[in-house]
Amino acid sequence: TFNNISFTPAKGYHVSSFADCIHICGCKGY
């Protein structure tokens, strides 16, 4: 579960992640 997660660049910067934000591969359940 991911609740109230904010991907927001720091002051003075413009990029929040090198690539994707959340990446899910081969997971089960929910």
Full PDB file with SEQRES, HELIX, SHEET, SSBOND, CRYST1, ORIGX, SCALE, CONECT and MASTER records, all heavy atoms in Angstrom:
SEQRES   1 A   30  THR PHE ASN ASN ILE SER PHE THR PRO ALA LYS GLY TYR          
SEQRES   2 A   30  HIS VAL SER SER PHE ALA ASP CYS ILE HIS ILE CYS GLY          
SEQRES   3 A   30  CYS LYS GLY TYR                                              
CRYST1    1.000    1.000    1.000  90.00  90.00  90.00 P 1           1          
ORIGX1      1.000000  0.000000  0.000000        0.00000                         
ORIGX2      0.000000  1.000000  0.000000        0.00000                         
ORIGX3      0.000000  0.000000  1.000000        0.00000                         
SCALE1      1.000000  0.000000  0.000000        0.00000                         
SCALE2      0.000000  1.000000  0.000000        0.00000                         
SCALE3      0.000000  0.000000  1.000000        0.00000                         
ATOM      1  N   THR A   1       0.843  -1.198   0.000  1.00  0.00           N  
ATOM      2  CA  THR A   1       0.000   0.000   0.000  1.00  0.00           C  
ATOM      3  C   THR A   1       0.875   1.244   0.000  1.00  0.00           C  
ATOM      4  O   THR A   1       1.915   1.298   0.680  1.00  0.00           O  
ATOM      5  CB  THR A   1      -0.943   0.048   1.218  1.00  0.00           C  
ATOM      6  OG1 THR A   1      -0.174   0.072   2.426  1.00  0.00           O  
ATOM      7  CG2 THR A   1      -1.871  -1.151   1.236  1.00  0.00           C  
ATOM      8  N   PHE A   2       0.449   2.232  -0.782  1.00  0.00           N  
ATOM      9  CA  PHE A   2       1.117   3.525  -0.856  1.00  0.00           C  
ATOM     10  C   PHE A   2       0.045   4.585  -0.617  1.00  0.00           C  
ATOM     11  O   PHE A   2      -0.828   4.787  -1.476  1.00  0.00           O  
ATOM     12  CB  PHE A   2       1.756   3.726  -2.232  1.00  0.00           C  
ATOM     13  CG  PHE A   2       2.787   2.697  -2.609  1.00  0.00           C  
ATOM     14  CD1 PHE A   2       2.411   1.501  -3.205  1.00  0.00           C  
ATOM     15  CD2 PHE A   2       4.135   2.926  -2.378  1.00  0.00           C  
ATOM     16  CE1 PHE A   2       3.349   0.548  -3.562  1.00  0.00           C  
ATOM     17  CE2 PHE A   2       5.089   1.987  -2.731  1.00  0.00           C  
ATOM     18  CZ  PHE A   2       4.693   0.787  -3.321  1.00  0.00           C  
ATOM     19  N   ASN A   3       0.091   5.254   0.509  1.00  0.00           N  
ATOM     20  CA  ASN A   3      -0.897   6.268   0.868  1.00  0.00           C  
ATOM     21  C   ASN A   3      -0.212   7.614   1.106  1.00  0.00           C  
ATOM     22  O   ASN A   3       0.742   7.704   1.876  1.00  0.00           O  
ATOM     23  CB  ASN A   3      -1.659   5.866   2.142  1.00  0.00           C  
ATOM     24  CG  ASN A   3      -2.566   4.675   1.913  1.00  0.00           C  
ATOM     25  OD1 ASN A   3      -3.218   4.564   0.883  1.00  0.00           O  
ATOM     26  ND2 ASN A   3      -2.602   3.759   2.865  1.00  0.00           N  
ATOM     27  N   ASN A   4      -0.723   8.630   0.427  1.00  0.00           N  
ATOM     28  CA  ASN A   4      -0.226   9.987   0.607  1.00  0.00           C  
ATOM     29  C   ASN A   4       1.286  10.064   0.380  1.00  0.00           C  
ATOM     30  O   ASN A   4       2.039  10.585   1.198  1.00  0.00           O  
ATOM     31  CB  ASN A   4      -0.572  10.518   2.001  1.00  0.00           C  
ATOM     32  CG  ASN A   4      -0.353  12.016   2.113  1.00  0.00           C  
ATOM     33  OD1 ASN A   4      -0.448  12.747   1.129  1.00  0.00           O  
ATOM     34  ND2 ASN A   4      -0.031  12.483   3.300  1.00  0.00           N  
ATOM     35  N   ILE A   5       1.712   9.539  -0.762  1.00  0.00           N  
ATOM     36  CA  ILE A   5       3.107   9.654  -1.184  1.00  0.00           C  
ATOM     37  C   ILE A   5       3.190  10.791  -2.195  1.00  0.00           C  
ATOM     38  O   ILE A   5       2.402  10.841  -3.145  1.00  0.00           O  
ATOM     39  CB  ILE A   5       3.615   8.347  -1.819  1.00  0.00           C  
ATOM     40  CG1 ILE A   5       3.275   7.135  -0.941  1.00  0.00           C  
ATOM     41  CG2 ILE A   5       5.108   8.443  -2.091  1.00  0.00           C  
ATOM     42  CD1 ILE A   5       3.932   7.125   0.410  1.00  0.00           C  
ATOM     43  N   SER A   6       4.124  11.702  -2.008  1.00  0.00           N  
ATOM     44  CA  SER A   6       4.258  12.861  -2.895  1.00  0.00           C  
ATOM     45  C   SER A   6       5.630  12.859  -3.559  1.00  0.00           C  
ATOM     46  O   SER A   6       6.655  12.934  -2.873  1.00  0.00           O  
ATOM     47  CB  SER A   6       4.069  14.159  -2.107  1.00  0.00           C  
ATOM     48  OG  SER A   6       4.279  15.281  -2.934  1.00  0.00           O  
ATOM     49  N   PHE A   7       5.637  12.744  -4.880  1.00  0.00           N  
ATOM     50  CA  PHE A   7       6.879  12.847  -5.644  1.00  0.00           C  
ATOM     51  C   PHE A   7       6.982  14.279  -6.148  1.00  0.00           C  
ATOM     52  O   PHE A   7       6.343  14.671  -7.132  1.00  0.00           O  
ATOM     53  CB  PHE A   7       6.871  11.851  -6.804  1.00  0.00           C  
ATOM     54  CG  PHE A   7       6.878  10.415  -6.361  1.00  0.00           C  
ATOM     55  CD1 PHE A   7       5.686   9.743  -6.124  1.00  0.00           C  
ATOM     56  CD2 PHE A   7       8.071   9.736  -6.154  1.00  0.00           C  
ATOM     57  CE1 PHE A   7       5.668   8.424  -5.705  1.00  0.00           C  
ATOM     58  CE2 PHE A   7       8.069   8.413  -5.731  1.00  0.00           C  
ATOM     59  CZ  PHE A   7       6.876   7.755  -5.503  1.00  0.00           C  
ATOM     60  N   THR A   8       7.775  15.071  -5.447  1.00  0.00           N  
ATOM     61  CA  THR A   8       7.865  16.504  -5.706  1.00  0.00           C  
ATOM     62  C   THR A   8       9.332  16.928  -5.640  1.00  0.00           C  
ATOM     63  O   THR A   8      10.008  16.650  -4.634  1.00  0.00           O  
ATOM     64  CB  THR A   8       7.076  17.305  -4.648  1.00  0.00           C  
ATOM     65  OG1 THR A   8       5.750  16.791  -4.550  1.00  0.00           O  
ATOM     66  CG2 THR A   8       7.018  18.770  -5.007  1.00  0.00           C  
ATOM     67  N   PRO A   9       9.875  17.588  -6.662  1.00  0.00           N  
ATOM     68  CA  PRO A   9      11.280  17.995  -6.618  1.00  0.00           C  
ATOM     69  C   PRO A   9      11.575  18.937  -5.451  1.00  0.00           C  
ATOM     70  O   PRO A   9      10.717  19.712  -5.014  1.00  0.00           O  
ATOM     71  CB  PRO A   9      11.487  18.696  -7.960  1.00  0.00           C  
ATOM     72  CG  PRO A   9      10.386  18.209  -8.829  1.00  0.00           C  
ATOM     73  CD  PRO A   9       9.220  17.956  -7.925  1.00  0.00           C  
ATOM     74  N   ALA A  10      12.799  18.856  -4.947  1.00  0.00           N  
ATOM     75  CA  ALA A  10      13.252  19.758  -3.887  1.00  0.00           C  
ATOM     76  C   ALA A  10      13.379  21.177  -4.425  1.00  0.00           C  
ATOM     77  O   ALA A  10      13.475  21.404  -5.634  1.00  0.00           O  
ATOM     78  CB  ALA A  10      14.590  19.281  -3.328  1.00  0.00           C  
ATOM     79  N   LYS A  11      13.379  22.141  -3.527  1.00  0.00           N  
ATOM     80  CA  LYS A  11      13.533  23.544  -3.905  1.00  0.00           C  
ATOM     81  C   LYS A  11      14.831  23.721  -4.688  1.00  0.00           C  
ATOM     82  O   LYS A  11      15.899  23.253  -4.281  1.00  0.00           O  
ATOM     83  CB  LYS A  11      13.550  24.420  -2.654  1.00  0.00           C  
ATOM     84  CG  LYS A  11      13.596  25.908  -2.961  1.00  0.00           C  
ATOM     85  CD  LYS A  11      13.571  26.741  -1.683  1.00  0.00           C  
ATOM     86  CE  LYS A  11      13.635  28.226  -2.000  1.00  0.00           C  
ATOM     87  NZ  LYS A  11      13.631  29.052  -0.766  1.00  0.00           N  
ATOM     88  N   GLY A  12      14.731  24.394  -5.840  1.00  0.00           N  
ATOM     89  CA  GLY A  12      15.905  24.626  -6.672  1.00  0.00           C  
ATOM     90  C   GLY A  12      16.134  23.560  -7.720  1.00  0.00           C  
ATOM     91  O   GLY A  12      17.032  23.691  -8.558  1.00  0.00           O  
ATOM     92  N   TYR A  13      15.331  22.477  -7.661  1.00  0.00           N  
ATOM     93  CA  TYR A  13      15.459  21.390  -8.632  1.00  0.00           C  
ATOM     94  C   TYR A  13      14.132  21.173  -9.349  1.00  0.00           C  
ATOM     95  O   TYR A  13      13.086  21.668  -8.926  1.00  0.00           O  
ATOM     96  CB  TYR A  13      15.908  20.104  -7.942  1.00  0.00           C  
ATOM     97  CG  TYR A  13      17.354  20.137  -7.502  1.00  0.00           C  
ATOM     98  CD1 TYR A  13      17.714  20.602  -6.242  1.00  0.00           C  
ATOM     99  CD2 TYR A  13      18.370  19.723  -8.360  1.00  0.00           C  
ATOM    100  CE1 TYR A  13      19.048  20.645  -5.849  1.00  0.00           C  
ATOM    101  CE2 TYR A  13      19.706  19.765  -7.982  1.00  0.00           C  
ATOM    102  CZ  TYR A  13      20.036  20.230  -6.721  1.00  0.00           C  
ATOM    103  OH  TYR A  13      21.351  20.272  -6.338  1.00  0.00           O  
ATOM    104  N   HIS A  14      14.196  20.393 -10.442  1.00  0.00           N  
ATOM    105  CA  HIS A  14      13.017  20.215 -11.287  1.00  0.00           C  
ATOM    106  C   HIS A  14      12.657  18.761 -11.525  1.00  0.00           C  
ATOM    107  O   HIS A  14      11.645  18.486 -12.188  1.00  0.00           O  
ATOM    108  CB  HIS A  14      13.245  20.896 -12.649  1.00  0.00           C  
ATOM    109  CG  HIS A  14      13.456  22.370 -12.558  1.00  0.00           C  
ATOM    110  ND1 HIS A  14      14.668  22.932 -12.215  1.00  0.00           N  
ATOM    111  CD2 HIS A  14      12.595  23.412 -12.732  1.00  0.00           C  
ATOM    112  CE1 HIS A  14      14.554  24.244 -12.197  1.00  0.00           C  
ATOM    113  NE2 HIS A  14      13.316  24.568 -12.507  1.00  0.00           N  
ATOM    114  N   VAL A  15      13.436  17.808 -11.030  1.00  0.00           N  
ATOM    115  CA  VAL A  15      13.217  16.385 -11.313  1.00  0.00           C  
ATOM    116  C   VAL A  15      13.023  15.625 -10.007  1.00  0.00           C  
ATOM    117  O   VAL A  15      13.803  15.777  -9.066  1.00  0.00           O  
ATOM    118  CB  VAL A  15      14.405  15.775 -12.093  1.00  0.00           C  
ATOM    119  CG1 VAL A  15      14.130  14.324 -12.454  1.00  0.00           C  
ATOM    120  CG2 VAL A  15      14.676  16.584 -13.366  1.00  0.00           C  
ATOM    121  N   SER A  16      11.979  14.786  -9.956  1.00  0.00           N  
ATOM    122  CA  SER A  16      11.677  14.040  -8.725  1.00  0.00           C  
ATOM    123  C   SER A  16      12.173  12.607  -8.752  1.00  0.00           C  
ATOM    124  O   SER A  16      12.184  11.948  -7.714  1.00  0.00           O  
ATOM    125  CB  SER A  16      10.157  14.029  -8.485  1.00  0.00           C  
ATOM    126  OG  SER A  16       9.498  13.291  -9.498  1.00  0.00           O  
ATOM    127  N   SER A  17      12.576  12.100  -9.918  1.00  0.00           N  
ATOM    128  CA  SER A  17      13.048  10.724  -9.992  1.00  0.00           C  
ATOM    129  C   SER A  17      13.925  10.540 -11.221  1.00  0.00           C  
ATOM    130  O   SER A  17      13.639  11.098 -12.287  1.00  0.00           O  
ATOM    131  CB  SER A  17      11.877   9.737 -10.054  1.00  0.00           C  
ATOM    132  OG  SER A  17      12.345   8.404 -10.229  1.00  0.00           O  
ATOM    133  N   PHE A  18      14.954   9.733 -11.078  1.00  0.00           N  
ATOM    134  CA  PHE A  18      15.853   9.396 -12.180  1.00  0.00           C  
ATOM    135  C   PHE A  18      15.074   8.807 -13.349  1.00  0.00           C  
ATOM    136  O   PHE A  18      15.387   9.039 -14.511  1.00  0.00           O  
ATOM    137  CB  PHE A  18      16.884   8.389 -11.680  1.00  0.00           C  
ATOM    138  CG  PHE A  18      18.002   8.083 -12.639  1.00  0.00           C  
ATOM    139  CD1 PHE A  18      19.233   8.702 -12.511  1.00  0.00           C  
ATOM    140  CD2 PHE A  18      17.843   7.144 -13.653  1.00  0.00           C  
ATOM    141  CE1 PHE A  18      20.273   8.407 -13.385  1.00  0.00           C  
ATOM    142  CE2 PHE A  18      18.868   6.847 -14.537  1.00  0.00           C  
ATOM    143  CZ  PHE A  18      20.082   7.486 -14.398  1.00  0.00           C  
ATOM    144  N   ALA A  19      14.021   8.003 -13.058  1.00  0.00           N  
ATOM    145  CA  ALA A  19      13.173   7.416 -14.110  1.00  0.00           C  
ATOM    146  C   ALA A  19      11.726   7.416 -13.632  1.00  0.00           C  
ATOM    147  O   ALA A  19      11.146   8.471 -13.422  1.00  0.00           O  
ATOM    148  CB  ALA A  19      13.669   6.014 -14.471  1.00  0.00           C  
ATOM    149  N   ASP A  20      11.136   6.217 -13.410  1.00  0.00           N  
ATOM    150  CA  ASP A  20       9.753   6.130 -12.942  1.00  0.00           C  
ATOM    151  C   ASP A  20       9.634   6.581 -11.489  1.00  0.00           C  
ATOM    152  O   ASP A  20      10.637   6.686 -10.771  1.00  0.00           O  
ATOM    153  CB  ASP A  20       9.242   4.689 -13.034  1.00  0.00           C  
ATOM    154  CG  ASP A  20       9.242   4.158 -14.455  1.00  0.00           C  
ATOM    155  OD1 ASP A  20       9.474   4.936 -15.390  1.00  0.00           O  
ATOM    156  OD2 ASP A  20       9.006   2.945 -14.617  1.00  0.00           O  
ATOM    157  N   CYS A  21       8.386   6.790 -11.057  1.00  0.00           N  
ATOM    158  CA  CYS A  21       8.138   7.028  -9.627  1.00  0.00           C  
ATOM    159  C   CYS A  21       7.928   5.689  -8.911  1.00  0.00           C  
ATOM    160  O   CYS A  21       8.785   5.252  -8.166  1.00  0.00           O  
ATOM    161  CB  CYS A  21       6.940   7.950  -9.442  1.00  0.00           C  
ATOM    162  SG  CYS A  21       7.203   9.649  -9.998  1.00  0.00           S  
ATOM    163  N   ILE A  22       6.787   5.033  -9.144  1.00  0.00           N  
ATOM    164  CA  ILE A  22       6.525   3.720  -8.539  1.00  0.00           C  
ATOM    165  C   ILE A  22       6.551   2.665  -9.639  1.00  0.00           C  
ATOM    166  O   ILE A  22       5.838   2.785 -10.637  1.00  0.00           O  
ATOM    167  CB  ILE A  22       5.169   3.696  -7.812  1.00  0.00           C  
ATOM    168  CG1 ILE A  22       5.219   4.566  -6.556  1.00  0.00           C  
ATOM    169  CG2 ILE A  22       4.771   2.267  -7.440  1.00  0.00           C  
ATOM    170  CD1 ILE A  22       3.902   4.663  -5.795  1.00  0.00           C  
ATOM    171  N   HIS A  23       7.371   1.644  -9.439  1.00  0.00           N  
ATOM    172  CA  HIS A  23       7.497   0.563 -10.418  1.00  0.00           C  
ATOM    173  C   HIS A  23       7.280  -0.763  -9.692  1.00  0.00           C  
ATOM    174  O   HIS A  23       7.980  -1.085  -8.739  1.00  0.00           O  
ATOM    175  CB  HIS A  23       8.873   0.587 -11.073  1.00  0.00           C  
ATOM    176  CG  HIS A  23       8.964  -0.208 -12.336  1.00  0.00           C  
ATOM    177  ND1 HIS A  23       8.985   0.353 -13.585  1.00  0.00           N  
ATOM    178  CD2 HIS A  23       9.018  -1.543 -12.541  1.00  0.00           C  
ATOM    179  CE1 HIS A  23       9.053  -0.584 -14.506  1.00  0.00           C  
ATOM    180  NE2 HIS A  23       9.078  -1.753 -13.897  1.00  0.00           N  
ATOM    181  N   ILE A  24       6.299  -1.535 -10.162  1.00  0.00           N  
ATOM    182  CA  ILE A  24       5.926  -2.811  -9.544  1.00  0.00           C  
ATOM    183  C   ILE A  24       6.139  -3.909 -10.570  1.00  0.00           C  
ATOM    184  O   ILE A  24       5.531  -3.887 -11.651  1.00  0.00           O  
ATOM    185  CB  ILE A  24       4.444  -2.818  -9.106  1.00  0.00           C  
ATOM    186  CG1 ILE A  24       4.095  -1.565  -8.282  1.00  0.00           C  
ATOM    187  CG2 ILE A  24       4.103  -4.107  -8.388  1.00  0.00           C  
ATOM    188  CD1 ILE A  24       4.615  -1.556  -6.884  1.00  0.00           C  
ATOM    189  N   CYS A  25       6.971  -4.895 -10.258  1.00  0.00           N  
ATOM    190  CA  CYS A  25       7.217  -6.005 -11.184  1.00  0.00           C  
ATOM    191  C   CYS A  25       7.043  -7.333 -10.464  1.00  0.00           C  
ATOM    192  O   CYS A  25       7.692  -7.583  -9.444  1.00  0.00           O  
ATOM    193  CB  CYS A  25       8.620  -5.917 -11.772  1.00  0.00           C  
ATOM    194  SG  CYS A  25       9.047  -7.313 -12.843  1.00  0.00           S  
ATOM    195  N   GLY A  26       6.170  -8.193 -10.991  1.00  0.00           N  
ATOM    196  CA  GLY A  26       6.024  -9.542 -10.464  1.00  0.00           C  
ATOM    197  C   GLY A  26       5.573  -9.562  -9.022  1.00  0.00           C  
ATOM    198  O   GLY A  26       6.181 -10.230  -8.189  1.00  0.00           O  
ATOM    199  N   CYS A  27       4.516  -8.854  -8.703  1.00  0.00           N  
ATOM    200  CA  CYS A  27       4.004  -8.844  -7.333  1.00  0.00           C  
ATOM    201  C   CYS A  27       2.618  -9.487  -7.302  1.00  0.00           C  
ATOM    202  O   CYS A  27       1.936  -9.582  -8.319  1.00  0.00           O  
ATOM    203  CB  CYS A  27       3.949  -7.419  -6.780  1.00  0.00           C  
ATOM    204  SG  CYS A  27       5.604  -6.712  -6.499  1.00  0.00           S  
ATOM    205  N   LYS A  28       2.202  -9.936  -6.113  1.00  0.00           N  
ATOM    206  CA  LYS A  28       0.909 -10.614  -5.985  1.00  0.00           C  
ATOM    207  C   LYS A  28       0.135 -10.038  -4.806  1.00  0.00           C  
ATOM    208  O   LYS A  28       0.581  -9.096  -4.153  1.00  0.00           O  
ATOM    209  CB  LYS A  28       1.108 -12.123  -5.805  1.00  0.00           C  
ATOM    210  CG  LYS A  28       1.809 -12.539  -4.515  1.00  0.00           C  
ATOM    211  CD  LYS A  28       1.912 -14.063  -4.443  1.00  0.00           C  
ATOM    212  CE  LYS A  28       2.574 -14.510  -3.144  1.00  0.00           C  
ATOM    213  NZ  LYS A  28       2.642 -15.981  -3.032  1.00  0.00           N  
ATOM    214  N   GLY A  29      -1.036 -10.633  -4.558  1.00  0.00           N  
ATOM    215  CA  GLY A  29      -1.887 -10.072  -3.512  1.00  0.00           C  
ATOM    216  C   GLY A  29      -2.546  -8.813  -4.021  1.00  0.00           C  
ATOM    217  O   GLY A  29      -3.276  -8.853  -5.011  1.00  0.00           O  
ATOM    218  N   TYR A  30      -2.270  -7.689  -3.366  1.00  0.00           N  
ATOM    219  CA  TYR A  30      -2.846  -6.428  -3.823  1.00  0.00           C  
ATOM    220  C   TYR A  30      -1.781  -5.340  -3.865  1.00  0.00           C  
ATOM    221  O   TYR A  30      -0.785  -5.376  -3.140  1.00  0.00           O  
ATOM    222  CB  TYR A  30      -4.012  -5.996  -2.928  1.00  0.00           C  
ATOM    223  CG  TYR A  30      -3.665  -5.812  -1.465  1.00  0.00           C  
ATOM    224  CD1 TYR A  30      -2.961  -4.690  -1.024  1.00  0.00           C  
ATOM    225  CD2 TYR A  30      -4.043  -6.754  -0.510  1.00  0.00           C  
ATOM    226  CE1 TYR A  30      -2.645  -4.513   0.312  1.00  0.00           C  
ATOM    227  CE2 TYR A  30      -3.726  -6.586   0.832  1.00  0.00           C  
ATOM    228  CZ  TYR A  30      -3.022  -5.463   1.237  1.00  0.00           C  
ATOM    229  OH  TYR A  30      -2.701  -5.287   2.566  1.00  0.00           O  
TER     230      TYR A  30                                                      
MASTER        0    0    0    0    0    0    0    6  229    1    0    3          
END                                                                             
